[in-house]
PDB file of N, CA and C in Angstrom:
ATOM      1  N   MET A   1     -17.558  -9.803   0.734  1.00  0.00           N
ATOM      2  CA  MET A   1     -16.163  -9.610   0.386  1.00  0.00           C
ATOM      3  C   MET A   1     -15.827 -10.559  -0.751  1.00  0.00           C
ATOM      4  N   ALA A   2     -15.146 -10.064  -1.737  1.00  0.00           N
ATOM      5  CA  ALA A   2     -14.772 -10.883  -2.879  1.00  0.00           C
ATOM      6  C   ALA A   2     -13.679 -11.867  -2.499  1.00  0.00           C
ATOM      7  N   ILE A   3     -13.468 -12.863  -3.354  1.00  0.00           N
ATOM      8  CA  ILE A   3     -12.420 -13.852  -3.118  1.00  0.00           C
ATOM      9  C   ILE A   3     -11.063 -13.169  -3.043  1.00  0.00           C
ATOM     10  N   VAL A   4     -10.813 -12.190  -3.906  1.00  0.00           N
ATOM     11  CA  VAL A   4      -9.546 -11.448  -3.869  1.00  0.00           C
ATOM     12  C   VAL A   4      -9.392 -10.779  -2.517  1.00  0.00           C
ATOM     13  N   GLY A   5     -10.463 -10.179  -2.017  1.00  0.00           N
ATOM     14  CA  GLY A   5     -10.416  -9.542  -0.706  1.00  0.00           C
ATOM     15  C   GLY A   5     -10.106 -10.534   0.395  1.00  0.00           C
ATOM     16  N   LEU A   6     -10.634 -11.743   0.291  1.00  0.00           N
ATOM     17  CA  LEU A   6     -10.364 -12.769   1.288  1.00  0.00           C
ATOM     18  C   LEU A   6      -8.896 -13.141   1.291  1.00  0.00           C
ATOM     19  N   HIS A   7      -8.314 -13.273   0.109  1.00  0.00           N
ATOM     20  CA  HIS A   7      -6.890 -13.576   0.008  1.00  0.00           C
ATOM     21  C   HIS A   7      -6.060 -12.453   0.648  1.00  0.00           C
ATOM     22  N   ILE A   8      -6.413 -11.218   0.375  1.00  0.00           N
ATOM     23  CA  ILE A   8      -5.690 -10.082   0.951  1.00  0.00           C
ATOM     24  C   ILE A   8      -5.862 -10.056   2.462  1.00  0.00           C
ATOM     25  N   TYR A   9      -7.045 -10.375   2.933  1.00  0.00           N
ATOM     26  CA  TYR A   9      -7.303 -10.441   4.377  1.00  0.00           C
ATOM     27  C   TYR A   9      -6.350 -11.427   5.036  1.00  0.00           C
ATOM     28  N   LYS A  10      -6.194 -12.584   4.436  1.00  0.00           N
ATOM     29  CA  LYS A  10      -5.343 -13.608   5.029  1.00  0.00           C
ATOM     30  C   LYS A  10      -3.869 -13.266   4.902  1.00  0.00           C
ATOM     31  N   SER A  11      -3.446 -12.746   3.762  1.00  0.00           N
ATOM     32  CA  SER A  11      -2.021 -12.534   3.524  1.00  0.00           C
ATOM     33  C   SER A  11      -1.488 -11.221   4.080  1.00  0.00           C
ATOM     34  N   GLU A  12      -2.276 -10.153   4.065  1.00  0.00           N
ATOM     35  CA  GLU A  12      -1.791  -8.846   4.516  1.00  0.00           C
ATOM     36  C   GLU A  12      -2.233  -8.499   5.926  1.00  0.00           C
ATOM     37  N   PHE A  13      -3.411  -8.923   6.296  1.00  0.00           N
ATOM     38  CA  PHE A  13      -3.983  -8.446   7.550  1.00  0.00           C
ATOM     39  C   PHE A  13      -3.800  -9.436   8.691  1.00  0.00           C
ATOM     40  N   MET A  14      -4.101 -10.694   8.441  1.00  0.00           N
ATOM     41  CA  MET A  14      -3.980 -11.698   9.498  1.00  0.00           C
ATOM     42  C   MET A  14      -2.535 -12.144   9.683  1.00  0.00           C
ATOM     43  N   VAL A  15      -1.767 -12.207   8.626  1.00  0.00           N
ATOM     44  CA  VAL A  15      -0.355 -12.578   8.622  1.00  0.00           C
ATOM     45  C   VAL A  15      -0.091 -13.795   9.532  1.00  0.00           C
ATOM     46  N   GLY A  16      -0.838 -14.843   9.308  1.00  0.00           N
ATOM     47  CA  GLY A  16      -0.618 -16.076  10.044  1.00  0.00           C
ATOM     48  C   GLY A  16      -1.225 -16.132  11.428  1.00  0.00           C
ATOM     49  N   LYS A  17      -1.877 -15.060  11.887  1.00  0.00           N
ATOM     50  CA  LYS A  17      -2.494 -15.070  13.211  1.00  0.00           C
ATOM     51  C   LYS A  17      -3.776 -15.895  13.164  1.00  0.00           C
ATOM     52  N   LEU A  18      -4.132 -16.450  14.287  1.00  0.00           N
ATOM     53  CA  LEU A  18      -5.387 -17.186  14.399  1.00  0.00           C
ATOM     54  C   LEU A  18      -6.331 -16.414  15.307  1.00  0.00           C
ATOM     55  N   SER A  19      -7.603 -16.447  14.985  1.00  0.00           N
ATOM     56  CA  SER A  19      -8.600 -15.782  15.831  1.00  0.00           C
ATOM     57  C   SER A  19      -8.867 -16.639  17.062  1.00  0.00           C
ATOM     58  N   GLU A  20      -8.995 -15.988  18.212  1.00  0.00           N
ATOM     59  CA  GLU A  20      -9.253 -16.723  19.449  1.00  0.00           C
ATOM     60  C   GLU A  20     -10.694 -17.192  19.537  1.00  0.00           C
ATOM     61  N   ASP A  21     -11.619 -16.377  19.054  1.00  0.00           N
ATOM     62  CA  ASP A  21     -13.033 -16.733  19.088  1.00  0.00           C
ATOM     63  C   ASP A  21     -13.762 -15.956  18.006  1.00  0.00           C
ATOM     64  N   ILE A  22     -15.024 -16.239  17.844  1.00  0.00           N
ATOM     65  CA  ILE A  22     -15.797 -15.622  16.769  1.00  0.00           C
ATOM     66  C   ILE A  22     -15.906 -14.107  16.948  1.00  0.00           C
ATOM     67  N   THR A  23     -16.007 -13.634  18.178  1.00  0.00           N
ATOM     68  CA  THR A  23     -16.127 -12.197  18.434  1.00  0.00           C
ATOM     69  C   THR A  23     -14.860 -11.459  18.003  1.00  0.00           C
ATOM     70  N   SER A  24     -13.707 -11.976  18.392  1.00  0.00           N
ATOM     71  CA  SER A  24     -12.450 -11.315  18.012  1.00  0.00           C
ATOM     72  C   SER A  24     -12.237 -11.416  16.496  1.00  0.00           C
ATOM     73  N   HIS A  25     -12.663 -12.521  15.909  1.00  0.00           N
ATOM     74  CA  HIS A  25     -12.530 -12.670  14.459  1.00  0.00           C
ATOM     75  C   HIS A  25     -13.396 -11.647  13.727  1.00  0.00           C
ATOM     76  N   LEU A  26     -14.619 -11.456  14.178  1.00  0.00           N
ATOM     77  CA  LEU A  26     -15.507 -10.482  13.539  1.00  0.00           C
ATOM     78  C   LEU A  26     -14.990  -9.059  13.707  1.00  0.00           C
ATOM     79  N   LYS A  27     -14.388  -8.748  14.860  1.00  0.00           N
ATOM     80  CA  LYS A  27     -13.785  -7.419  15.057  1.00  0.00           C
ATOM     81  C   LYS A  27     -12.613  -7.224  14.104  1.00  0.00           C
ATOM     82  N   SER A  28     -11.798  -8.264  13.958  1.00  0.00           N
ATOM     83  CA  SER A  28     -10.660  -8.200  13.055  1.00  0.00           C
ATOM     84  C   SER A  28     -11.130  -8.020  11.616  1.00  0.00           C
ATOM     85  N   LEU A  29     -12.164  -8.736  11.241  1.00  0.00           N
ATOM     86  CA  LEU A  29     -12.711  -8.626   9.896  1.00  0.00           C
ATOM     87  C   LEU A  29     -13.286  -7.235   9.641  1.00  0.00           C
ATOM     88  N   ASP A  30     -13.915  -6.661  10.640  1.00  0.00           N
ATOM     89  CA  ASP A  30     -14.458  -5.301  10.520  1.00  0.00           C
ATOM     90  C   ASP A  30     -13.339  -4.281  10.319  1.00  0.00           C
ATOM     91  N   LYS A  31     -12.234  -4.421  11.061  1.00  0.00           N
ATOM     92  CA  LYS A  31     -11.092  -3.524  10.886  1.00  0.00           C
ATOM     93  C   LYS A  31     -10.511  -3.657   9.486  1.00  0.00           C
ATOM     94  N   PHE A  32     -10.435  -4.907   9.016  1.00  0.00           N
ATOM     95  CA  PHE A  32      -9.903  -5.135   7.682  1.00  0.00           C
ATOM     96  C   PHE A  32     -10.775  -4.483   6.619  1.00  0.00           C
ATOM     97  N   MET A  33     -12.076  -4.617   6.732  1.00  0.00           N
ATOM     98  CA  MET A  33     -12.977  -4.042   5.736  1.00  0.00           C
ATOM     99  C   MET A  33     -12.834  -2.518   5.688  1.00  0.00           C
ATOM    100  N   SER A  34     -12.644  -1.901   6.850  1.00  0.00           N
ATOM    101  CA  SER A  34     -12.417  -0.459   6.882  1.00  0.00           C
ATOM    102  C   SER A  34     -11.105  -0.115   6.168  1.00  0.00           C
ATOM    103  N   TYR A  35     -10.053  -0.863   6.486  1.00  0.00           N
ATOM    104  CA  TYR A  35      -8.752  -0.663   5.844  1.00  0.00           C
ATOM    105  C   TYR A  35      -8.859  -0.858   4.330  1.00  0.00           C
ATOM    106  N   TYR A  36      -9.482  -1.960   3.925  1.00  0.00           N
ATOM    107  CA  TYR A  36      -9.573  -2.313   2.508  1.00  0.00           C
ATOM    108  C   TYR A  36     -10.356  -1.268   1.714  1.00  0.00           C
ATOM    109  N   ASN A  37     -11.420  -0.754   2.273  1.00  0.00           N
ATOM    110  CA  ASN A  37     -12.279   0.179   1.544  1.00  0.00           C
ATOM    111  C   ASN A  37     -11.850   1.636   1.630  1.00  0.00           C
ATOM    112  N   HIS A  38     -11.127   2.016   2.694  1.00  0.00           N
ATOM    113  CA  HIS A  38     -10.829   3.434   2.912  1.00  0.00           C
ATOM    114  C   HIS A  38      -9.343   3.790   2.891  1.00  0.00           C
ATOM    115  N   HIS A  39      -8.457   2.811   3.072  1.00  0.00           N
ATOM    116  CA  HIS A  39      -7.038   3.152   3.237  1.00  0.00           C
ATOM    117  C   HIS A  39      -6.101   2.423   2.283  1.00  0.00           C
ATOM    118  N   ARG A  40      -6.563   1.440   1.593  1.00  0.00           N
ATOM    119  CA  ARG A  40      -5.734   0.663   0.684  1.00  0.00           C
ATOM    120  C   ARG A  40      -5.955   1.185  -0.733  1.00  0.00           C
ATOM    121  N   TYR A  41      -4.858   1.388  -1.454  1.00  0.00           N
ATOM    122  CA  TYR A  41      -4.925   1.946  -2.805  1.00  0.00           C
ATOM    123  C   TYR A  41      -4.477   0.892  -3.821  1.00  0.00           C
ATOM    124  N   PRO A  42      -5.389   0.035  -4.279  1.00  0.00           N
ATOM    125  CA  PRO A  42      -4.977  -0.987  -5.252  1.00  0.00           C
ATOM    126  C   PRO A  42      -4.611  -0.370  -6.595  1.00  0.00           C
ATOM    127  N   CYS A  43      -3.613  -0.929  -7.257  1.00  0.00           N
ATOM    128  CA  CYS A  43      -3.147  -0.391  -8.544  1.00  0.00           C
ATOM    129  C   CYS A  43      -4.251  -0.373  -9.589  1.00  0.00           C
ATOM    130  N   ARG A  44      -5.113  -1.349  -9.564  1.00  0.00           N
ATOM    131  CA  ARG A  44      -6.140  -1.397 -10.610  1.00  0.00           C
ATOM    132  C   ARG A  44      -7.137  -0.244 -10.503  1.00  0.00           C
ATOM    133  N   LEU A  45      -7.126   0.480  -9.375  1.00  0.00           N
ATOM    134  CA  LEU A  45      -7.978   1.663  -9.229  1.00  0.00           C
ATOM    135  C   LEU A  45      -7.175   2.951  -9.417  1.00  0.00           C
ATOM    136  N   TYR A  46      -5.959   2.828  -9.884  1.00  0.00           N
ATOM    137  CA  TYR A  46      -5.109   3.970 -10.222  1.00  0.00           C
ATOM    138  C   TYR A  46      -4.992   4.990  -9.088  1.00  0.00           C
ATOM    139  N   GLY A  47      -4.644   4.510  -7.913  1.00  0.00           N
ATOM    140  CA  GLY A  47      -4.379   5.406  -6.790  1.00  0.00           C
ATOM    141  C   GLY A  47      -5.606   5.870  -6.029  1.00  0.00           C
ATOM    142  N   LYS A  48      -6.728   5.245  -6.252  1.00  0.00           N
ATOM    143  CA  LYS A  48      -7.961   5.587  -5.530  1.00  0.00           C
ATOM    144  C   LYS A  48      -8.344   4.416  -4.633  1.00  0.00           C
ATOM    145  N   THR A  49      -9.028   4.703  -3.551  1.00  0.00           N
ATOM    146  CA  THR A  49      -9.572   3.637  -2.711  1.00  0.00           C
ATOM    147  C   THR A  49     -10.918   3.209  -3.276  1.00  0.00           C
ATOM    148  N   PRO A  50     -11.378   2.022  -2.919  1.00  0.00           N
ATOM    149  CA  PRO A  50     -12.700   1.608  -3.395  1.00  0.00           C
ATOM    150  C   PRO A  50     -13.801   2.607  -3.028  1.00  0.00           C
ATOM    151  N   MET A  51     -13.761   3.174  -1.848  1.00  0.00           N
ATOM    152  CA  MET A  51     -14.811   4.113  -1.439  1.00  0.00           C
ATOM    153  C   MET A  51     -14.732   5.420  -2.219  1.00  0.00           C
ATOM    154  N   GLN A  52     -13.543   5.839  -2.626  1.00  0.00           N
ATOM    155  CA  GLN A  52     -13.438   7.032  -3.460  1.00  0.00           C
ATOM    156  C   GLN A  52     -14.134   6.803  -4.802  1.00  0.00           C
ATOM    157  N   ILE A  53     -13.992   5.617  -5.343  1.00  0.00           N
ATOM    158  CA  ILE A  53     -14.656   5.282  -6.599  1.00  0.00           C
ATOM    159  C   ILE A  53     -16.166   5.233  -6.403  1.00  0.00           C
ATOM    160  N   VAL A  54     -16.610   4.584  -5.325  1.00  0.00           N
ATOM    161  CA  VAL A  54     -18.039   4.502  -5.028  1.00  0.00           C
ATOM    162  C   VAL A  54     -18.633   5.899  -4.862  1.00  0.00           C
ATOM    163  N   ASN A  55     -17.863   6.804  -4.264  1.00  0.00           N
ATOM    164  CA  ASN A  55     -18.346   8.163  -4.026  1.00  0.00           C
ATOM    165  C   ASN A  55     -18.221   9.077  -5.246  1.00  0.00           C
ATOM    166  N   GLY A  56     -17.782   8.527  -6.377  1.00  0.00           N
ATOM    167  CA  GLY A  56     -17.808   9.297  -7.615  1.00  0.00           C
ATOM    168  C   GLY A  56     -16.495   9.899  -8.069  1.00  0.00           C
ATOM    169  N   ASP A  57     -15.381   9.655  -7.369  1.00  0.00           N
ATOM    170  CA  ASP A  57     -14.104  10.175  -7.856  1.00  0.00           C
ATOM    171  C   ASP A  57     -13.807   9.574  -9.223  1.00  0.00           C
ATOM    172  N   ILE A  58     -13.244  10.373 -10.086  1.00  0.00           N
ATOM    173  CA  ILE A  58     -12.944   9.941 -11.444  1.00  0.00           C
ATOM    174  C   ILE A  58     -11.479   9.533 -11.528  1.00  0.00           C
ATOM    175  N   ILE A  59     -11.235   8.404 -12.155  1.00  0.00           N
ATOM    176  CA  ILE A  59      -9.872   7.909 -12.329  1.00  0.00           C
ATOM    177  C   ILE A  59      -9.197   8.701 -13.436  1.00  0.00           C
ATOM    178  N   ASP A  60      -8.009   9.229 -13.133  1.00  0.00           N
ATOM    179  CA  ASP A  60      -7.198   9.932 -14.122  1.00  0.00           C
ATOM    180  C   ASP A  60      -5.923   9.114 -14.330  1.00  0.00           C
ATOM    181  N   LYS A  61      -5.934   8.255 -15.333  1.00  0.00           N
ATOM    182  CA  LYS A  61      -4.802   7.359 -15.572  1.00  0.00           C
ATOM    183  C   LYS A  61      -3.527   8.133 -15.880  1.00  0.00           C
ATOM    184  N   HIS A  62      -3.642   9.248 -16.587  1.00  0.00           N
ATOM    185  CA  HIS A  62      -2.461  10.047 -16.936  1.00  0.00           C
ATOM    186  C   HIS A  62      -1.806  10.616 -15.670  1.00  0.00           C
ATOM    187  N   LEU A  63      -2.613  11.171 -14.759  1.00  0.00           N
ATOM    188  CA  LEU A  63      -2.072  11.724 -13.516  1.00  0.00           C
ATOM    189  C   LEU A  63      -1.414  10.634 -12.687  1.00  0.00           C
ATOM    190  N   TYR A  64      -2.044   9.483 -12.602  1.00  0.00           N
ATOM    191  CA  TYR A  64      -1.494   8.365 -11.833  1.00  0.00           C
ATOM    192  C   TYR A  64      -0.152   7.921 -12.420  1.00  0.00           C
ATOM    193  N   THR A  65      -0.087   7.792 -13.748  1.00  0.00           N
ATOM    194  CA  THR A  65       1.151   7.400 -14.412  1.00  0.00           C
ATOM    195  C   THR A  65       2.243   8.431 -14.158  1.00  0.00           C
ATOM    196  N   GLN A  66       1.894   9.708 -14.194  1.00  0.00           N
ATOM    197  CA  GLN A  66       2.862  10.770 -13.925  1.00  0.00           C
ATOM    198  C   GLN A  66       3.387  10.691 -12.498  1.00  0.00           C
ATOM    199  N   LYS A  67       2.510  10.431 -11.538  1.00  0.00           N
ATOM    200  CA  LYS A  67       2.939  10.312 -10.138  1.00  0.00           C
ATOM    201  C   LYS A  67       3.892   9.136  -9.950  1.00  0.00           C
ATOM    202  N   ILE A  68       3.628   8.031 -10.626  1.00  0.00           N
ATOM    203  CA  ILE A  68       4.510   6.866 -10.546  1.00  0.00           C
ATOM    204  C   ILE A  68       5.888   7.205 -11.106  1.00  0.00           C
ATOM    205  N   LYS A  69       5.936   7.897 -12.227  1.00  0.00           N
ATOM    206  CA  LYS A  69       7.218   8.289 -12.824  1.00  0.00           C
ATOM    207  C   LYS A  69       7.990   9.225 -11.900  1.00  0.00           C
ATOM    208  N   GLU A  70       7.300  10.178 -11.284  1.00  0.00           N
ATOM    209  CA  GLU A  70       7.950  11.099 -10.349  1.00  0.00           C
ATOM    210  C   GLU A  70       8.486  10.351  -9.133  1.00  0.00           C
ATOM    211  N   ALA A  71       7.730   9.392  -8.644  1.00  0.00           N
ATOM    212  CA  ALA A  71       8.172   8.606  -7.497  1.00  0.00           C
ATOM    213  C   ALA A  71       9.402   7.770  -7.847  1.00  0.00           C
ATOM    214  N   GLN A  72       9.463   7.240  -9.065  1.00  0.00           N
ATOM    215  CA  GLN A  72      10.622   6.467  -9.494  1.00  0.00           C
ATOM    216  C   GLN A  72      11.879   7.336  -9.531  1.00  0.00           C
ATOM    217  N   VAL A  73      11.754   8.542 -10.062  1.00  0.00           N
ATOM    218  CA  VAL A  73      12.896   9.462 -10.120  1.00  0.00           C
ATOM    219  C   VAL A  73      13.347   9.835  -8.705  1.00  0.00           C
ATOM    220  N   ALA A  74      12.388  10.135  -7.841  1.00  0.00           N
ATOM    221  CA  ALA A  74      12.714  10.502  -6.465  1.00  0.00           C
ATOM    222  C   ALA A  74      13.388   9.341  -5.740  1.00  0.00           C
ATOM    223  N   ARG A  75      12.933   8.119  -5.977  1.00  0.00           N
ATOM    224  CA  ARG A  75      13.526   6.949  -5.330  1.00  0.00           C
ATOM    225  C   ARG A  75      14.963   6.751  -5.768  1.00  0.00           C
ATOM    226  N   VAL A  76      15.245   6.941  -7.049  1.00  0.00           N
ATOM    227  CA  VAL A  76      16.613   6.808  -7.546  1.00  0.00           C
ATOM    228  C   VAL A  76      17.512   7.837  -6.877  1.00  0.00           C
ATOM    229  N   LYS A  77      17.052   9.086  -6.782  1.00  0.00           N
ATOM    230  CA  LYS A  77      17.852  10.131  -6.135  1.00  0.00           C
ATOM    231  C   LYS A  77      18.070   9.824  -4.664  1.00  0.00           C
ATOM    232  N   THR A  78      17.036   9.361  -3.980  1.00  0.00           N
ATOM    233  CA  THR A  78      17.166   9.001  -2.567  1.00  0.00           C
ATOM    234  C   THR A  78      18.178   7.884  -2.390  1.00  0.00           C
ATOM    235  N   ASN A  79      18.101   6.872  -3.234  1.00  0.00           N
ATOM    236  CA  ASN A  79      19.044   5.756  -3.150  1.00  0.00           C
ATOM    237  C   ASN A  79      20.471   6.200  -3.454  1.00  0.00           C
ATOM    238  N   GLN A  80      20.636   7.064  -4.434  1.00  0.00           N
ATOM    239  CA  GLN A  80      21.973   7.556  -4.765  1.00  0.00           C
ATOM    240  C   GLN A  80      22.560   8.345  -3.604  1.00  0.00           C
ATOM    241  N   ASN A  81      21.765   9.194  -2.977  1.00  0.00           N
ATOM    242  CA  ASN A  81      22.248   9.973  -1.843  1.00  0.00           C
ATOM    243  C   ASN A  81      22.586   9.066  -0.675  1.00  0.00           C
ATOM    244  N   PHE A  82      21.778   8.058  -0.452  1.00  0.00           N
ATOM    245  CA  PHE A  82      22.042   7.130   0.653  1.00  0.00           C
ATOM    246  C   PHE A  82      23.321   6.347   0.403  1.00  0.00           C
ATOM    247  N   ASN A  83      23.461   5.829  -0.793  1.00  0.00           N
ATOM    248  CA  ASN A  83      24.622   5.004  -1.111  1.00  0.00           C
ATOM    249  C   ASN A  83      25.911   5.820  -1.211  1.00  0.00           C
ATOM    250  N   ALA A  84      25.811   7.120  -1.430  1.00  0.00           N
ATOM    251  CA  ALA A  84      26.997   7.952  -1.599  1.00  0.00           C
ATOM    252  C   ALA A  84      27.767   8.142  -0.306  1.00  0.00           C
ATOM    253  N   CYS A  85      27.152   7.991   0.836  1.00  0.00           N
ATOM    254  CA  CYS A  85      27.826   8.314   2.094  1.00  0.00           C
ATOM    255  C   CYS A  85      27.828   7.168   3.105  1.00  0.00           C
ATOM    256  N   ILE A  86      28.006   5.986   2.653  1.00  0.00           N
ATOM    257  CA  ILE A  86      28.179   4.863   3.583  1.00  0.00           C
ATOM    258  C   ILE A  86      29.675   4.640   3.730  1.00  0.00           C
ATOM    259  N   PRO A  87      30.226   4.817   4.936  1.00  0.00           N
ATOM    260  CA  PRO A  87      31.682   4.764   5.136  1.00  0.00           C
ATOM    261  C   PRO A  87      32.340   3.510   4.573  1.00  0.00           C
ATOM    262  N   ASN A  88      31.749   2.345   4.746  1.00  0.00           N
ATOM    263  CA  ASN A  88      32.415   1.126   4.291  1.00  0.00           C
ATOM    264  C   ASN A  88      32.356   0.967   2.763  1.00  0.00           C
ATOM    265  N   LEU A  89      31.673   1.872   2.073  1.00  0.00           N
ATOM    266  CA  LEU A  89      31.664   1.835   0.617  1.00  0.00           C
ATOM    267  C   LEU A  89      32.583   2.897   0.029  1.00  0.00           C
ATOM    268  N   GLY A  90      33.365   3.586   0.881  1.00  0.00           N
ATOM    269  CA  GLY A  90      34.352   4.517   0.397  1.00  0.00           C
ATOM    270  C   GLY A  90      33.968   5.976   0.462  1.00  0.00           C
ATOM    271  N   CYS A  91      32.988   6.344   1.255  1.00  0.00           N
ATOM    272  CA  CYS A  91      32.616   7.740   1.375  1.00  0.00           C
ATOM    273  C   CYS A  91      33.732   8.491   2.097  1.00  0.00           C
ATOM    274  N   ASN A  92      34.204   9.600   1.541  1.00  0.00           N
ATOM    275  CA  ASN A  92      35.320  10.342   2.124  1.00  0.00           C
ATOM    276  C   ASN A  92      34.877  11.458   3.057  1.00  0.00           C
ATOM    277  N   SER A  93      33.567  11.596   3.292  1.00  0.00           N
ATOM    278  CA  SER A  93      33.100  12.704   4.108  1.00  0.00           C
ATOM    279  C   SER A  93      33.196  12.424   5.609  1.00  0.00           C
ATOM    280  N   PHE A  94      33.612  11.224   5.996  1.00  0.00           N
ATOM    281  CA  PHE A  94      33.697  10.900   7.439  1.00  0.00           C
ATOM    282  C   PHE A  94      35.102  10.919   7.923  1.00  0.00           C
TER     283      PHE A  94
END
Protein backbone atom coordinates (compact mmCIF):
# COMPACT_ATOMS: atom_id res chain seq x y z
CA MET A 1 0.00 0.00 0.00
CA ALA A 2 1.36 3.40 -0.91
CA ILE A 3 1.90 6.17 1.63
CA VAL A 4 -1.14 8.00 0.21
CA GLY A 5 -3.19 4.85 0.74
CA LEU A 6 -2.00 4.65 4.34
CA HIS A 7 -3.12 8.22 4.97
CA ILE A 8 -6.53 7.46 3.46
CA TYR A 9 -6.77 4.29 5.56
CA LYS A 10 -6.24 6.29 8.72
CA SER A 11 -8.38 9.31 7.84
CA GLU A 12 -11.33 7.75 5.98
CA PHE A 13 -11.52 4.17 7.13
CA MET A 14 -10.27 3.98 10.71
CA VAL A 15 -11.60 7.43 11.69
CA GLY A 16 -9.80 7.43 15.02
CA LYS A 17 -10.64 3.82 15.92
CA LEU A 18 -7.96 1.62 17.43
CA SER A 19 -7.47 -2.03 16.55
CA GLU A 20 -8.01 -4.43 19.44
CA ASP A 21 -5.47 -6.97 18.21
CA ILE A 22 -3.44 -7.91 15.17
CA THR A 23 -6.16 -10.21 13.79
CA SER A 24 -8.87 -7.54 13.86
CA HIS A 25 -6.40 -5.01 12.43
CA LEU A 26 -5.54 -7.29 9.50
CA LYS A 27 -9.26 -7.89 8.81
CA SER A 28 -9.86 -4.14 8.86
CA LEU A 29 -6.92 -3.58 6.52
CA ASP A 30 -8.24 -6.25 4.15
CA LYS A 31 -11.66 -4.56 4.03
CA PHE A 32 -9.99 -1.24 3.34
CA MET A 33 -7.91 -2.63 0.48
CA SER A 34 -11.07 -4.01 -1.13
CA TYR A 35 -12.80 -0.63 -0.71
CA TYR A 36 -9.78 1.30 -1.98
CA ASN A 37 -9.26 -0.84 -5.08
CA HIS A 38 -12.87 -1.61 -6.07
CA HIS A 39 -15.21 1.05 -4.66
CA ARG A 40 -13.32 4.32 -4.27
CA TYR A 41 -13.15 6.65 -7.27
CA PRO A 42 -10.17 9.00 -6.85
CA CYS A 43 -10.28 12.17 -8.96
CA ARG A 44 -6.85 11.55 -10.41
CA LEU A 45 -8.26 8.43 -12.13
CA TYR A 46 -11.13 10.44 -13.65
CA GLY A 47 -14.00 8.44 -12.19
CA LYS A 48 -12.41 4.99 -12.42
CA THR A 49 -11.36 2.69 -9.61
CA PRO A 50 -7.78 1.43 -9.46
CA MET A 51 -8.91 -2.07 -10.48
CA GLN A 52 -10.79 -0.71 -13.50
CA ILE A 53 -7.53 0.84 -14.68
CA VAL A 54 -5.58 -2.35 -13.97
CA ASN A 55 -8.18 -4.30 -15.96
CA GLY A 56 -7.70 -2.06 -18.99
CA ASP A 57 -10.49 0.53 -18.79
CA ILE A 58 -9.52 3.64 -20.70
CA ILE A 59 -9.76 7.04 -19.06
CA ASP A 60 -11.97 9.48 -20.96
CA LYS A 61 -11.19 12.90 -19.49
CA HIS A 62 -13.81 14.63 -21.67
CA LEU A 63 -16.62 12.31 -20.47
CA TYR A 64 -15.55 12.73 -16.85
CA THR A 65 -15.47 16.53 -17.19
CA GLN A 66 -18.93 16.46 -18.78
CA LYS A 67 -20.33 14.34 -15.93
CA ILE A 68 -18.91 16.79 -13.37
CA LYS A 69 -20.55 19.73 -15.17
CA GLU A 70 -23.90 17.90 -15.30
CA ALA A 71 -23.66 17.07 -11.61
CA GLN A 72 -22.96 20.73 -10.79
CA VAL A 73 -26.06 21.87 -12.70
CA ALA A 74 -28.19 19.19 -11.06
CA ARG A 75 -26.90 20.17 -7.60
CA VAL A 76 -27.80 23.82 -8.16
CA LYS A 77 -31.33 22.85 -9.23
CA THR A 78 -31.72 20.52 -6.25
CA ASN A 79 -30.55 23.23 -3.87
CA GLN A 80 -32.86 25.81 -5.43
CA ASN A 81 -35.86 23.50 -5.12
CA PHE A 82 -34.97 22.68 -1.53
CA ASN A 83 -34.46 26.29 -0.53
CA ALA A 84 -37.65 27.43 -2.29
CA CYS A 85 -40.00 25.67 0.12
CA ILE A 86 -38.64 26.07 3.62
CA PRO A 87 -41.46 27.71 5.64
CA ASN A 88 -39.21 29.87 7.82
CA LEU A 89 -37.60 31.35 4.69
CA GLY A 90 -40.93 32.63 3.37
CA CYS A 91 -42.34 29.79 1.30
CA ASN A 92 -46.04 30.52 0.68
CA SER A 93 -47.03 26.96 -0.24
CA PHE A 94 -47.68 25.91 3.39
